[in-house]
Amino acid sequence: MPRPRPERRTRPAQPSPDVAVVGGGIIGCALAAELARRGARVVVLERGQPGAEASSAAAGMLGPRAECDTPGPFLALGVASLGLYPAAIAALREETGIDPEYQRDGILYVAMTDAEARRLAARARWQRRAGCPVERLSAREARALEPEVRDDIRGAIRFPADYRVDNVRLSRAFAVLASRRGAALRIGLTVRGLRCEGGRAVGLETASGLMTAGAVVNAAGAWAAELTSPGRPVPVRPVRGQMATLTAAHPPFRHAIYAHDVYVVPRRDGRVLVGSTYEEAGFDKRVTGEALAGILARALRLAPVLRDASFTTAWAGLRPGTPDALPILGADPEIAGLFYATGHYRNGILLAPVTARALAELVLAGRTSYDLTPFSVGRFPYRSPPQGDAS
């Protein structure tokens, strides 16, 4: 008598995620962590390693005022994000055990010429009118704070409420946080396109097939233009930034220090990050001799003490730039279920907390407490797609 065949048990199909986030940099992981905290089923799709691109290539300044040359919508958004950092850092430390080295020493911006001193004075004036904490310093006062800057600077302004973090540690912490809160990180998976049906984003075409989702967030950084809806080009391009690290026998600076054409950022372990370049080089991530020589020359001119520091390493990252240097945040005006969290250019580290909170509110509740109007993708041209296009 034939033996009965065992009953074949099929594994139950996994439910589609509520939200699919394309891009596992600090923006995508911070958003996934916030969405998961609010109870959403989230998947993050990342072609490489989480945080391995612009998030790890940055210097870690949290400087909404130091980064702001003129009044505009960026300042309010940056200050709001900085205000979220204490709670974010506490959660990261508690839930992941990773210390992102949140430093609250302020940022110093020095003038090397009289013309630069006048520009800094003008910046200090409008920022004071806007209610920003900013301190004008004489050359002597600046060098009392940072004795290792060159002795012929023309003055400085200090941003006492602008801070810094170790962005590599921070990016890793957000990836761990997202995973521990239940977000699924799909590493090494290439997204090939957006699937839209009836004017709505319903999922993503991936190298492994179609992934359906209740909503899609484009957080793909410098690669955001590759994920487009019909008629909606995403004007994000890569802007290469080259940087280097020197190691000093003793930590030479208390602050992150800007000058017109260079910055130096100290780490607790004695490393000093120096940068950076702003190059239209496509997706070329090479470190070039000319750029590296220029960075080091400018850093040594700002702080001669670095002549005795050891060269450690150099790298290049690709910032996600937009035509107006502002991020693209919010819902697509034409395609339901499609959202943007990209184009952060030089400020992805700074803007990660506010981007995560605002987009999580918007995706899950349909509204947000933050005014994202100046950052809408709708500020760029839209072309109506051909009838019947469901790509």
Foldseek 3Di string as FASTA:
>chain_A
DDDDDDDDDDDDDDDFWQEEEEAQELQSLLLLLLLLVVPTAYAYEAQADHNPFPLQQAQFWLPLLVPDLDDDDSSVLLVVLLVCPVVVQVCLCVVPVFHQAKFQAWEKEFAADPVQLVSQVVSVVVCVVVVADKAWFALVRVCVQAVQFDSRIGTIMIRNRIIGTNSVSSRVSSNVSSVVSNYHYHYSKAWQEFFFDPQATQFTQIPVGTRGHSFYEQAHFQCSQRYADFQQGDQWHWWKKKKWKWFDPDQRHDHFYHYPAKIWHADPRRIIIIYIDTHRDGPDWDDDPVRVVVRVVVVCNGGVVRVPTHTDGMTMHIGTAGPVQPAAFADAPRYPRYTYDYRNGNCCSSNSRVRSQQRSCCSPPVGGPDPCVVRHSVVDDGDDGDPPDRD
